[in-house]
Amino acid sequence: MEALFATTTGILAASGLYLALRGRTFPVVVGLTLLSYAVNLFLFSTGGLTTDGAAVISDGAGQYADPLPQALVLTAIVIGFAMTAFSVILAMRVRGDVGSDHVNGNRVDEPREDKS
């Protein structure tokens, strides 16, 4: 189970990094979202991956789930959703003002400016 979890986290992180380095705003937003999912999975895995573990520590509980990483992940999901919504609204505003969704602001039909 740990190998599958680690592989999934790595694939999400690699895909998110690839999309975050793209030239348009929508893939950048999706890439940042995938990166936040990878971080959430990593935080969740720090609590230990147990099956049939007790949610609350009791006297006879041999294995239990650590509640702190679960609380951190829940908080990160809420903050990540809010930041994704803000990023989408900001990208829509820039698209309307600039007329392009490229992250550097250039349109496809415009020549690039040389700053040398």
PDB file of N, CA and C in Angstrom:
ATOM      1  N   MET A   1       0.814  -1.191   0.000  1.00  0.00           N
ATOM      2  CA  MET A   1       0.000   0.000   0.000  1.00  0.00           C
ATOM      3  C   MET A   1       0.862   1.261   0.000  1.00  0.00           C
ATOM      4  N   GLU A   2       1.982   1.211   0.699  1.00  0.00           N
ATOM      5  CA  GLU A   2       2.849   2.382   0.737  1.00  0.00           C
ATOM      6  C   GLU A   2       3.452   2.675  -0.629  1.00  0.00           C
ATOM      7  N   ALA A   3       3.793   1.629  -1.378  1.00  0.00           N
ATOM      8  CA  ALA A   3       4.374   1.837  -2.708  1.00  0.00           C
ATOM      9  C   ALA A   3       3.360   2.473  -3.654  1.00  0.00           C
ATOM     10  N   LEU A   4       2.118   2.031  -3.593  1.00  0.00           N
ATOM     11  CA  LEU A   4       1.071   2.615  -4.427  1.00  0.00           C
ATOM     12  C   LEU A   4       0.825   4.071  -4.042  1.00  0.00           C
ATOM     13  N   PHE A   5       0.817   4.338  -2.758  1.00  0.00           N
ATOM     14  CA  PHE A   5       0.611   5.702  -2.273  1.00  0.00           C
ATOM     15  C   PHE A   5       1.754   6.613  -2.709  1.00  0.00           C
ATOM     16  N   ALA A   6       2.983   6.130  -2.586  1.00  0.00           N
ATOM     17  CA  ALA A   6       4.141   6.927  -2.981  1.00  0.00           C
ATOM     18  C   ALA A   6       4.163   7.164  -4.494  1.00  0.00           C
ATOM     19  N   THR A   7       3.806   6.144  -5.266  1.00  0.00           N
ATOM     20  CA  THR A   7       3.761   6.282  -6.720  1.00  0.00           C
ATOM     21  C   THR A   7       2.701   7.292  -7.138  1.00  0.00           C
ATOM     22  N   THR A   8       1.538   7.219  -6.524  1.00  0.00           N
ATOM     23  CA  THR A   8       0.463   8.159  -6.845  1.00  0.00           C
ATOM     24  C   THR A   8       0.860   9.590  -6.486  1.00  0.00           C
ATOM     25  N   THR A   9       1.482   9.764  -5.349  1.00  0.00           N
ATOM     26  CA  THR A   9       1.933  11.093  -4.947  1.00  0.00           C
ATOM     27  C   THR A   9       2.988  11.623  -5.917  1.00  0.00           C
ATOM     28  N   GLY A  10       3.910  10.774  -6.336  1.00  0.00           N
ATOM     29  CA  GLY A  10       4.934  11.186  -7.289  1.00  0.00           C
ATOM     30  C   GLY A  10       4.370  11.543  -8.644  1.00  0.00           C
ATOM     31  N   ILE A  11       3.412  10.764  -9.126  1.00  0.00           N
ATOM     32  CA  ILE A  11       2.793  11.058 -10.420  1.00  0.00           C
ATOM     33  C   ILE A  11       2.014  12.369 -10.361  1.00  0.00           C
ATOM     34  N   LEU A  12       1.278  12.585  -9.264  1.00  0.00           N
ATOM     35  CA  LEU A  12       0.549  13.845  -9.123  1.00  0.00           C
ATOM     36  C   LEU A  12       1.507  15.040  -9.062  1.00  0.00           C
ATOM     37  N   ALA A  13       2.602  14.885  -8.336  1.00  0.00           N
ATOM     38  CA  ALA A  13       3.568  15.983  -8.234  1.00  0.00           C
ATOM     39  C   ALA A  13       4.234  16.258  -9.574  1.00  0.00           C
ATOM     40  N   ALA A  14       4.619  15.214 -10.290  1.00  0.00           N
ATOM     41  CA  ALA A  14       5.269  15.401 -11.593  1.00  0.00           C
ATOM     42  C   ALA A  14       4.305  16.014 -12.607  1.00  0.00           C
ATOM     43  N   SER A  15       3.070  15.544 -12.635  1.00  0.00           N
ATOM     44  CA  SER A  15       2.077  16.106 -13.554  1.00  0.00           C
ATOM     45  C   SER A  15       1.769  17.554 -13.204  1.00  0.00           C
ATOM     46  N   GLY A  16       1.662  17.841 -11.916  1.00  0.00           N
ATOM     47  CA  GLY A  16       1.405  19.211 -11.497  1.00  0.00           C
ATOM     48  C   GLY A  16       2.537  20.153 -11.844  1.00  0.00           C
ATOM     49  N   LEU A  17       3.762  19.702 -11.665  1.00  0.00           N
ATOM     50  CA  LEU A  17       4.915  20.533 -12.014  1.00  0.00           C
ATOM     51  C   LEU A  17       4.978  20.768 -13.517  1.00  0.00           C
ATOM     52  N   TYR A  18       4.713  19.738 -14.311  1.00  0.00           N
ATOM     53  CA  TYR A  18       4.710  19.884 -15.771  1.00  0.00           C
ATOM     54  C   TYR A  18       3.659  20.901 -16.207  1.00  0.00           C
ATOM     55  N   LEU A  19       2.448  20.790 -15.640  1.00  0.00           N
ATOM     56  CA  LEU A  19       1.387  21.712 -16.038  1.00  0.00           C
ATOM     57  C   LEU A  19       1.626  23.124 -15.502  1.00  0.00           C
ATOM     58  N   ALA A  20       2.253  23.243 -14.346  1.00  0.00           N
ATOM     59  CA  ALA A  20       2.516  24.568 -13.789  1.00  0.00           C
ATOM     60  C   ALA A  20       3.547  25.337 -14.617  1.00  0.00           C
ATOM     61  N   LEU A  21       4.353  24.651 -15.401  1.00  0.00           N
ATOM     62  CA  LEU A  21       5.365  25.306 -16.235  1.00  0.00           C
ATOM     63  C   LEU A  21       4.878  25.587 -17.655  1.00  0.00           C
ATOM     64  N   ARG A  22       3.598  25.369 -17.920  1.00  0.00           N
ATOM     65  CA  ARG A  22       3.047  25.631 -19.246  1.00  0.00           C
ATOM     66  C   ARG A  22       2.903  27.132 -19.479  1.00  0.00           C
ATOM     67  N   GLY A  23       2.585  27.518 -20.698  1.00  0.00           N
ATOM     68  CA  GLY A  23       2.528  28.932 -21.057  1.00  0.00           C
ATOM     69  C   GLY A  23       1.168  29.572 -20.954  1.00  0.00           C
ATOM     70  N   ARG A  24       0.128  28.801 -20.711  1.00  0.00           N
ATOM     71  CA  ARG A  24      -1.213  29.373 -20.607  1.00  0.00           C
ATOM     72  C   ARG A  24      -1.707  29.268 -19.172  1.00  0.00           C
ATOM     73  N   THR A  25      -2.691  30.093 -18.841  1.00  0.00           N
ATOM     74  CA  THR A  25      -3.098  30.190 -17.444  1.00  0.00           C
ATOM     75  C   THR A  25      -3.892  28.988 -16.961  1.00  0.00           C
ATOM     76  N   PHE A  26      -4.752  28.408 -17.800  1.00  0.00           N
ATOM     77  CA  PHE A  26      -5.567  27.284 -17.320  1.00  0.00           C
ATOM     78  C   PHE A  26      -4.722  26.067 -16.955  1.00  0.00           C
ATOM     79  N   PRO A  27      -3.758  25.639 -17.779  1.00  0.00           N
ATOM     80  CA  PRO A  27      -2.897  24.537 -17.321  1.00  0.00           C
ATOM     81  C   PRO A  27      -2.089  24.874 -16.072  1.00  0.00           C
ATOM     82  N   VAL A  28      -1.735  26.134 -15.892  1.00  0.00           N
ATOM     83  CA  VAL A  28      -1.003  26.519 -14.679  1.00  0.00           C
ATOM     84  C   VAL A  28      -1.891  26.337 -13.454  1.00  0.00           C
ATOM     85  N   VAL A  29      -3.154  26.733 -13.560  1.00  0.00           N
ATOM     86  CA  VAL A  29      -4.089  26.575 -12.439  1.00  0.00           C
ATOM     87  C   VAL A  29      -4.313  25.098 -12.135  1.00  0.00           C
ATOM     88  N   VAL A  30      -4.487  24.284 -13.172  1.00  0.00           N
ATOM     89  CA  VAL A  30      -4.680  22.841 -12.971  1.00  0.00           C
ATOM     90  C   VAL A  30      -3.411  22.219 -12.375  1.00  0.00           C
ATOM     91  N   GLY A  31      -2.251  22.658 -12.828  1.00  0.00           N
ATOM     92  CA  GLY A  31      -0.995  22.146 -12.286  1.00  0.00           C
ATOM     93  C   GLY A  31      -0.812  22.481 -10.817  1.00  0.00           C
ATOM     94  N   LEU A  32      -1.159  23.703 -10.425  1.00  0.00           N
ATOM     95  CA  LEU A  32      -1.069  24.069  -9.017  1.00  0.00           C
ATOM     96  C   LEU A  32      -2.062  23.267  -8.174  1.00  0.00           C
ATOM     97  N   THR A  33      -3.219  22.976  -8.739  1.00  0.00           N
ATOM     98  CA  THR A  33      -4.198  22.147  -8.030  1.00  0.00           C
ATOM     99  C   THR A  33      -3.671  20.731  -7.843  1.00  0.00           C
ATOM    100  N   LEU A  34      -3.057  20.168  -8.881  1.00  0.00           N
ATOM    101  CA  LEU A  34      -2.484  18.822  -8.758  1.00  0.00           C
ATOM    102  C   LEU A  34      -1.340  18.796  -7.749  1.00  0.00           C
ATOM    103  N   LEU A  35      -0.537  19.854  -7.734  1.00  0.00           N
ATOM    104  CA  LEU A  35       0.528  19.931  -6.730  1.00  0.00           C
ATOM    105  C   LEU A  35      -0.039  19.983  -5.311  1.00  0.00           C
ATOM    106  N   SER A  36      -1.138  20.701  -5.136  1.00  0.00           N
ATOM    107  CA  SER A  36      -1.738  20.750  -3.802  1.00  0.00           C
ATOM    108  C   SER A  36      -2.317  19.395  -3.416  1.00  0.00           C
ATOM    109  N   TYR A  37      -2.857  18.646  -4.382  1.00  0.00           N
ATOM    110  CA  TYR A  37      -3.336  17.285  -4.093  1.00  0.00           C
ATOM    111  C   TYR A  37      -2.178  16.384  -3.678  1.00  0.00           C
ATOM    112  N   ALA A  38      -1.037  16.527  -4.354  1.00  0.00           N
ATOM    113  CA  ALA A  38       0.136  15.714  -3.999  1.00  0.00           C
ATOM    114  C   ALA A  38       0.623  16.045  -2.597  1.00  0.00           C
ATOM    115  N   VAL A  39       0.620  17.315  -2.243  1.00  0.00           N
ATOM    116  CA  VAL A  39       1.032  17.705  -0.894  1.00  0.00           C
ATOM    117  C   VAL A  39       0.042  17.179   0.135  1.00  0.00           C
ATOM    118  N   ASN A  40      -1.249  17.214  -0.191  1.00  0.00           N
ATOM    119  CA  ASN A  40      -2.259  16.665   0.725  1.00  0.00           C
ATOM    120  C   ASN A  40      -2.050  15.174   0.952  1.00  0.00           C
ATOM    121  N   LEU A  41      -1.760  14.437  -0.099  1.00  0.00           N
ATOM    122  CA  LEU A  41      -1.501  13.000   0.063  1.00  0.00           C
ATOM    123  C   LEU A  41      -0.250  12.759   0.891  1.00  0.00           C
ATOM    124  N   PHE A  42       0.761  13.581   0.677  1.00  0.00           N
ATOM    125  CA  PHE A  42       1.981  13.439   1.469  1.00  0.00           C
ATOM    126  C   PHE A  42       1.715  13.717   2.945  1.00  0.00           C
ATOM    127  N   LEU A  43       0.979  14.790   3.229  1.00  0.00           N
ATOM    128  CA  LEU A  43       0.645  15.095   4.621  1.00  0.00           C
ATOM    129  C   LEU A  43      -0.185  13.985   5.255  1.00  0.00           C
ATOM    130  N   PHE A  44      -1.109  13.435   4.477  1.00  0.00           N
ATOM    131  CA  PHE A  44      -1.946  12.358   4.994  1.00  0.00           C
ATOM    132  C   PHE A  44      -1.117  11.114   5.293  1.00  0.00           C
ATOM    133  N   SER A  45      -0.119  10.852   4.466  1.00  0.00           N
ATOM    134  CA  SER A  45       0.703   9.656   4.673  1.00  0.00           C
ATOM    135  C   SER A  45       1.637   9.786   5.869  1.00  0.00           C
ATOM    136  N   THR A  46       1.904  11.010   6.321  1.00  0.00           N
ATOM    137  CA  THR A  46       2.781  11.172   7.483  1.00  0.00           C
ATOM    138  C   THR A  46       2.140  10.658   8.762  1.00  0.00           C
ATOM    139  N   GLY A  47       0.826  10.518   8.763  1.00  0.00           N
ATOM    140  CA  GLY A  47       0.141   9.994   9.936  1.00  0.00           C
ATOM    141  C   GLY A  47       0.200   8.487  10.032  1.00  0.00           C
ATOM    142  N   GLY A  48       0.734   7.837   9.045  1.00  0.00           N
ATOM    143  CA  GLY A  48       0.803   6.374   9.036  1.00  0.00           C
ATOM    144  C   GLY A  48      -0.396   5.797   8.314  1.00  0.00           C
ATOM    145  N   LEU A  49      -0.134   4.876   7.430  1.00  0.00           N
ATOM    146  CA  LEU A  49      -1.204   4.246   6.662  1.00  0.00           C
ATOM    147  C   LEU A  49      -1.616   2.968   7.372  1.00  0.00           C
ATOM    148  N   THR A  50      -2.724   3.013   8.059  1.00  0.00           N
ATOM    149  CA  THR A  50      -3.227   1.841   8.768  1.00  0.00           C
ATOM    150  C   THR A  50      -4.623   1.516   8.258  1.00  0.00           C
ATOM    151  N   THR A  51      -4.949   0.246   8.238  1.00  0.00           N
ATOM    152  CA  THR A  51      -6.303  -0.175   7.902  1.00  0.00           C
ATOM    153  C   THR A  51      -6.965  -0.688   9.172  1.00  0.00           C
ATOM    154  N   ASP A  52      -8.203  -0.366   9.338  1.00  0.00           N
ATOM    155  CA  ASP A  52      -8.991  -0.751  10.518  1.00  0.00           C
ATOM    156  C   ASP A  52      -8.386  -0.208  11.805  1.00  0.00           C
ATOM    157  N   GLY A  53      -7.762   0.959  11.727  1.00  0.00           N
ATOM    158  CA  GLY A  53      -7.196   1.580  12.926  1.00  0.00           C
ATOM    159  C   GLY A  53      -8.266   2.374  13.656  1.00  0.00           C
ATOM    160  N   ALA A  54      -8.110   2.486  14.949  1.00  0.00           N
ATOM    161  CA  ALA A  54      -9.069   3.233  15.754  1.00  0.00           C
ATOM    162  C   ALA A  54      -8.919   4.728  15.489  1.00  0.00           C
ATOM    163  N   ALA A  55     -10.041   5.424  15.409  1.00  0.00           N
ATOM    164  CA  ALA A  55      -9.998   6.864  15.176  1.00  0.00           C
ATOM    165  C   ALA A  55      -9.606   7.620  16.439  1.00  0.00           C
ATOM    166  N   VAL A  56      -9.955   7.066  17.583  1.00  0.00           N
ATOM    167  CA  VAL A  56      -9.638   7.689  18.864  1.00  0.00           C
ATOM    168  C   VAL A  56      -8.824   6.684  19.670  1.00  0.00           C
ATOM    169  N   ILE A  57      -7.792   7.168  20.324  1.00  0.00           N
ATOM    170  CA  ILE A  57      -6.928   6.277  21.110  1.00  0.00           C
ATOM    171  C   ILE A  57      -7.686   5.810  22.348  1.00  0.00           C
ATOM    172  N   SER A  58      -7.727   4.521  22.522  1.00  0.00           N
ATOM    173  CA  SER A  58      -8.345   3.964  23.728  1.00  0.00           C
ATOM    174  C   SER A  58      -7.332   3.046  24.406  1.00  0.00           C
ATOM    175  N   ASP A  59      -7.717   2.452  25.509  1.00  0.00           N
ATOM    176  CA  ASP A  59      -6.790   1.615  26.268  1.00  0.00           C
ATOM    177  C   ASP A  59      -6.356   0.377  25.499  1.00  0.00           C
ATOM    178  N   GLY A  60      -7.280  -0.270  24.784  1.00  0.00           N
ATOM    179  CA  GLY A  60      -6.949  -1.521  24.113  1.00  0.00           C
ATOM    180  C   GLY A  60      -6.599  -1.369  22.643  1.00  0.00           C
ATOM    181  N   ALA A  61      -6.425  -0.149  22.154  1.00  0.00           N
ATOM    182  CA  ALA A  61      -6.154   0.057  20.726  1.00  0.00           C
ATOM    183  C   ALA A  61      -4.682  -0.200  20.441  1.00  0.00           C
ATOM    184  N   GLY A  62      -4.430  -1.163  19.560  1.00  0.00           N
ATOM    185  CA  GLY A  62      -3.058  -1.452  19.164  1.00  0.00           C
ATOM    186  C   GLY A  62      -2.578  -0.492  18.098  1.00  0.00           C
ATOM    187  N   GLN A  63      -3.394  -0.307  17.065  1.00  0.00           N
ATOM    188  CA  GLN A  63      -3.079   0.635  15.995  1.00  0.00           C
ATOM    189  C   GLN A  63      -4.136   1.729  16.013  1.00  0.00           C
ATOM    190  N   TYR A  64      -3.713   2.919  15.751  1.00  0.00           N
ATOM    191  CA  TYR A  64      -4.662   4.021  15.677  1.00  0.00           C
ATOM    192  C   TYR A  64      -4.203   4.984  14.591  1.00  0.00           C
ATOM    193  N   ALA A  65      -5.139   5.763  14.094  1.00  0.00           N
ATOM    194  CA  ALA A  65      -4.842   6.765  13.080  1.00  0.00           C
ATOM    195  C   ALA A  65      -4.526   8.083  13.780  1.00  0.00           C
ATOM    196  N   ASP A  66      -3.437   8.707  13.389  1.00  0.00           N
ATOM    197  CA  ASP A  66      -3.052   9.979  13.974  1.00  0.00           C
ATOM    198  C   ASP A  66      -3.988  11.068  13.447  1.00  0.00           C
ATOM    199  N   PRO A  67      -4.697  11.788  14.307  1.00  0.00           N
ATOM    200  CA  PRO A  67      -5.679  12.766  13.831  1.00  0.00           C
ATOM    201  C   PRO A  67      -5.076  14.085  13.358  1.00  0.00           C
ATOM    202  N   LEU A  68      -3.841  14.397  13.722  1.00  0.00           N
ATOM    203  CA  LEU A  68      -3.263  15.677  13.339  1.00  0.00           C
ATOM    204  C   LEU A  68      -3.068  15.818  11.828  1.00  0.00           C
ATOM    205  N   PRO A  69      -2.467  14.825  11.129  1.00  0.00           N
ATOM    206  CA  PRO A  69      -2.366  14.970   9.667  1.00  0.00           C
ATOM    207  C   PRO A  69      -3.726  15.023   8.978  1.00  0.00           C
ATOM    208  N   GLN A  70      -4.714  14.333   9.526  1.00  0.00           N
ATOM    209  CA  GLN A  70      -6.051  14.388   8.935  1.00  0.00           C
ATOM    210  C   GLN A  70      -6.634  15.786   9.055  1.00  0.00           C
ATOM    211  N   ALA A  71      -6.432  16.426  10.200  1.00  0.00           N
ATOM    212  CA  ALA A  71      -6.915  17.796  10.375  1.00  0.00           C
ATOM    213  C   ALA A  71      -6.165  18.763   9.461  1.00  0.00           C
ATOM    214  N   LEU A  72      -4.860  18.548   9.302  1.00  0.00           N
ATOM    215  CA  LEU A  72      -4.080  19.403   8.399  1.00  0.00           C
ATOM    216  C   LEU A  72      -4.548  19.257   6.958  1.00  0.00           C
ATOM    217  N   VAL A  73      -4.855  18.037   6.543  1.00  0.00           N
ATOM    218  CA  VAL A  73      -5.313  17.809   5.171  1.00  0.00           C
ATOM    219  C   VAL A  73      -6.681  18.439   4.948  1.00  0.00           C
ATOM    220  N   LEU A  74      -7.579  18.320   5.912  1.00  0.00           N
ATOM    221  CA  LEU A  74      -8.886  18.958   5.772  1.00  0.00           C
ATOM    222  C   LEU A  74      -8.755  20.464   5.641  1.00  0.00           C
ATOM    223  N   THR A  75      -7.885  21.060   6.428  1.00  0.00           N
ATOM    224  CA  THR A  75      -7.653  22.501   6.334  1.00  0.00           C
ATOM    225  C   THR A  75      -7.022  22.855   4.987  1.00  0.00           C
ATOM    226  N   ALA A  76      -6.081  22.043   4.520  1.00  0.00           N
ATOM    227  CA  ALA A  76      -5.424  22.308   3.240  1.00  0.00           C
ATOM    228  C   ALA A  76      -6.384  22.167   2.068  1.00  0.00           C
ATOM    229  N   ILE A  77      -7.353  21.261   2.169  1.00  0.00           N
ATOM    230  CA  ILE A  77      -8.343  21.107   1.098  1.00  0.00           C
ATOM    231  C   ILE A  77      -9.192  22.367   0.987  1.00  0.00           C
ATOM    232  N   VAL A  78      -9.628  22.902   2.116  1.00  0.00           N
ATOM    233  CA  VAL A  78     -10.454  24.110   2.100  1.00  0.00           C
ATOM    234  C   VAL A  78      -9.664  25.303   1.564  1.00  0.00           C
ATOM    235  N   ILE A  79      -8.437  25.469   2.036  1.00  0.00           N
ATOM    236  CA  ILE A  79      -7.613  26.576   1.563  1.00  0.00           C
ATOM    237  C   ILE A  79      -7.277  26.399   0.083  1.00  0.00           C
ATOM    238  N   GLY A  80      -6.983  25.168  -0.342  1.00  0.00           N
ATOM    239  CA  GLY A  80      -6.685  24.908  -1.752  1.00  0.00           C
ATOM    240  C   GLY A  80      -7.865  25.201  -2.660  1.00  0.00           C
ATOM    241  N   PHE A  81      -9.079  24.865  -2.210  1.00  0.00           N
ATOM    242  CA  PHE A  81     -10.269  25.164  -3.011  1.00  0.00           C
ATOM    243  C   PHE A  81     -10.459  26.666  -3.144  1.00  0.00           C
ATOM    244  N   ALA A  82     -10.260  27.396  -2.069  1.00  0.00           N
ATOM    245  CA  ALA A  82     -10.408  28.852  -2.128  1.00  0.00           C
ATOM    246  C   ALA A  82      -9.354  29.472  -3.037  1.00  0.00           C
ATOM    247  N   MET A  83      -8.120  28.997  -2.960  1.00  0.00           N
ATOM    248  CA  MET A  83      -7.069  29.543  -3.813  1.00  0.00           C
ATOM    249  C   MET A  83      -7.287  29.190  -5.284  1.00  0.00           C
ATOM    250  N   THR A  84      -7.823  28.007  -5.551  1.00  0.00           N
ATOM    251  CA  THR A  84      -8.136  27.637  -6.936  1.00  0.00           C
ATOM    252  C   THR A  84      -9.239  28.531  -7.497  1.00  0.00           C
ATOM    253  N   ALA A  85     -10.265  28.771  -6.704  1.00  0.00           N
ATOM    254  CA  ALA A  85     -11.342  29.654  -7.158  1.00  0.00           C
ATOM    255  C   ALA A  85     -10.807  31.064  -7.410  1.00  0.00           C
ATOM    256  N   PHE A  86      -9.957  31.570  -6.526  1.00  0.00           N
ATOM    257  CA  PHE A  86      -9.361  32.889  -6.720  1.00  0.00           C
ATOM    258  C   PHE A  86      -8.497  32.926  -7.973  1.00  0.00           C
ATOM    259  N   SER A  87      -7.711  31.866  -8.213  1.00  0.00           N
ATOM    260  CA  SER A  87      -6.842  31.817  -9.394  1.00  0.00           C
ATOM    261  C   SER A  87      -7.656  31.787 -10.689  1.00  0.00           C
ATOM    262  N   VAL A  88      -8.755  31.061 -10.680  1.00  0.00           N
ATOM    263  CA  VAL A  88      -9.594  31.005 -11.885  1.00  0.00           C
ATOM    264  C   VAL A  88     -10.223  32.369 -12.154  1.00  0.00           C
ATOM    265  N   ILE A  89     -10.723  33.029 -11.121  1.00  0.00           N
ATOM    266  CA  ILE A  89     -11.315  34.357 -11.307  1.00  0.00           C
ATOM    267  C   ILE A  89     -10.250  35.359 -11.764  1.00  0.00           C
ATOM    268  N   LEU A  90      -9.060  35.278 -11.188  1.00  0.00           N
ATOM    269  CA  LEU A  90      -7.973  36.165 -11.601  1.00  0.00           C
ATOM    270  C   LEU A  90      -7.572  35.904 -13.053  1.00  0.00           C
ATOM    271  N   ALA A  91      -7.517  34.639 -13.469  1.00  0.00           N
ATOM    272  CA  ALA A  91      -7.173  34.306 -14.857  1.00  0.00           C
ATOM    273  C   ALA A  91      -8.247  34.802 -15.822  1.00  0.00           C
ATOM    274  N   MET A  92      -9.509  34.705 -15.411  1.00  0.00           N
ATOM    275  CA  MET A  92     -10.583  35.209 -16.273  1.00  0.00           C
ATOM    276  C   MET A  92     -10.499  36.736 -16.403  1.00  0.00           C
ATOM    277  N   ARG A  93     -10.150  37.402 -15.323  1.00  0.00           N
ATOM    278  CA  ARG A  93     -10.018  38.858 -15.368  1.00  0.00           C
ATOM    279  C   ARG A  93      -8.852  39.275 -16.260  1.00  0.00           C
ATOM    280  N   VAL A  94      -7.732  38.605 -16.144  1.00  0.00           N
ATOM    281  CA  VAL A  94      -6.575  38.923 -16.984  1.00  0.00           C
ATOM    282  C   VAL A  94      -6.885  38.640 -18.445  1.00  0.00           C
ATOM    283  N   ARG A  95      -7.602  37.564 -18.709  1.00  0.00           N
ATOM    284  CA  ARG A  95      -7.984  37.233 -20.089  1.00  0.00           C
ATOM    285  C   ARG A  95      -8.859  38.340 -20.668  1.00  0.00           C
ATOM    286  N   GLY A  96      -9.774  38.862 -19.864  1.00  0.00           N
ATOM    287  CA  GLY A  96     -10.637  39.938 -20.338  1.00  0.00           C
ATOM    288  C   GLY A  96      -9.902  41.246 -20.522  1.00  0.00           C
ATOM    289  N   ASP A  97      -8.972  41.572 -19.621  1.00  0.00           N
ATOM    290  CA  ASP A  97      -8.251  42.852 -19.714  1.00  0.00           C
ATOM    291  C   ASP A  97      -7.163  42.839 -20.776  1.00  0.00           C
ATOM    292  N   VAL A  98      -6.372  41.767 -20.810  1.00  0.00           N
ATOM    293  CA  VAL A  98      -5.229  41.708 -21.717  1.00  0.00           C
ATOM    294  C   VAL A  98      -5.635  41.162 -23.086  1.00  0.00           C
ATOM    295  N   GLY A  99      -6.595  40.251 -23.114  1.00  0.00           N
ATOM    296  CA  GLY A  99      -7.010  39.639 -24.368  1.00  0.00           C
ATOM    297  C   GLY A  99      -6.232  38.391 -24.711  1.00  0.00           C
ATOM    298  N   SER A 100      -5.459  37.890 -23.767  1.00  0.00           N
ATOM    299  CA  SER A 100      -4.656  36.694 -23.981  1.00  0.00           C
ATOM    300  C   SER A 100      -4.599  35.914 -22.682  1.00  0.00           C
ATOM    301  N   ASP A 101      -4.454  34.605 -22.810  1.00  0.00           N
ATOM    302  CA  ASP A 101      -4.324  33.808 -21.595  1.00  0.00           C
ATOM    303  C   ASP A 101      -2.912  33.268 -21.417  1.00  0.00           C
ATOM    304  N   HIS A 102      -1.951  33.860 -22.108  1.00  0.00           N
ATOM    305  CA  HIS A 102      -0.551  33.492 -21.894  1.00  0.00           C
ATOM    306  C   HIS A 102      -0.067  34.111 -20.592  1.00  0.00           C
ATOM    307  N   VAL A 103       0.792  33.409 -19.896  1.00  0.00           N
ATOM    308  CA  VAL A 103       1.247  33.908 -18.599  1.00  0.00           C
ATOM    309  C   VAL A 103       2.166  35.119 -18.727  1.00  0.00           C
ATOM    310  N   ASN A 104       2.801  35.294 -19.883  1.00  0.00           N
ATOM    311  CA  ASN A 104       3.655  36.473 -20.065  1.00  0.00           C
ATOM    312  C   ASN A 104       2.902  37.638 -20.686  1.00  0.00           C
ATOM    313  N   GLY A 105       1.626  37.464 -21.042  1.00  0.00           N
ATOM    314  CA  GLY A 105       0.805  38.543 -21.561  1.00  0.00           C
ATOM    315  C   GLY A 105       0.855  38.732 -23.055  1.00  0.00           C
ATOM    316  N   ASN A 106       1.702  37.994 -23.777  1.00  0.00           N
ATOM    317  CA  ASN A 106       1.786  38.129 -25.227  1.00  0.00           C
ATOM    318  C   ASN A 106       0.668  37.367 -25.904  1.00  0.00           C
ATOM    319  N   ARG A 107       0.181  37.934 -26.977  1.00  0.00           N
ATOM    320  CA  ARG A 107      -0.784  37.218 -27.803  1.00  0.00           C
ATOM    321  C   ARG A 107      -0.033  36.347 -28.790  1.00  0.00           C
ATOM    322  N   VAL A 108      -0.747  35.402 -29.400  1.00  0.00           N
ATOM    323  CA  VAL A 108      -0.113  34.507 -30.353  1.00  0.00           C
ATOM    324  C   VAL A 108       0.322  35.271 -31.603  1.00  0.00           C
ATOM    325  N   ASP A 109      -0.475  36.267 -32.041  1.00  0.00           N
ATOM    326  CA  ASP A 109      -0.178  36.999 -33.266  1.00  0.00           C
ATOM    327  C   ASP A 109       0.802  38.160 -33.053  1.00  0.00           C
ATOM    328  N   GLU A 110       1.143  38.463 -31.797  1.00  0.00           N
ATOM    329  CA  GLU A 110       2.079  39.549 -31.521  1.00  0.00           C
ATOM    330  C   GLU A 110       3.513  39.048 -31.565  1.00  0.00           C
ATOM    331  N   PRO A 111       4.415  39.838 -32.119  1.00  0.00           N
ATOM    332  CA  PRO A 111       5.827  39.458 -32.040  1.00  0.00           C
ATOM    333  C   PRO A 111       6.342  39.680 -30.621  1.00  0.00           C
ATOM    334  N   ARG A 112       7.325  38.900 -30.246  1.00  0.00           N
ATOM    335  CA  ARG A 112       7.915  39.038 -28.915  1.00  0.00           C
ATOM    336  C   ARG A 112       8.829  40.246 -28.886  1.00  0.00           C
ATOM    337  N   GLU A 113       8.860  40.901 -27.737  1.00  0.00           N
ATOM    338  CA  GLU A 113       9.719  42.065 -27.590  1.00  0.00           C
ATOM    339  C   GLU A 113      11.097  41.618 -27.143  1.00  0.00           C
ATOM    340  N   ASP A 114      12.124  42.138 -27.805  1.00  0.00           N
ATOM    341  CA  ASP A 114      13.500  41.876 -27.377  1.00  0.00           C
ATOM    342  C   ASP A 114      13.917  42.969 -26.400  1.00  0.00           C
ATOM    343  N   LYS A 115      14.395  42.556 -25.251  1.00  0.00           N
ATOM    344  CA  LYS A 115      14.790  43.533 -24.230  1.00  0.00           C
ATOM    345  C   LYS A 115      16.302  43.688 -24.163  1.00  0.00           C
ATOM    346  N   SER A 116      16.989  43.265 -25.192  1.00  0.00           N
ATOM    347  CA  SER A 116      18.454  43.385 -25.160  1.00  0.00           C
ATOM    348  C   SER A 116      18.934  44.609 -25.907  1.00  0.00           C
TER     349      SER A 116
END
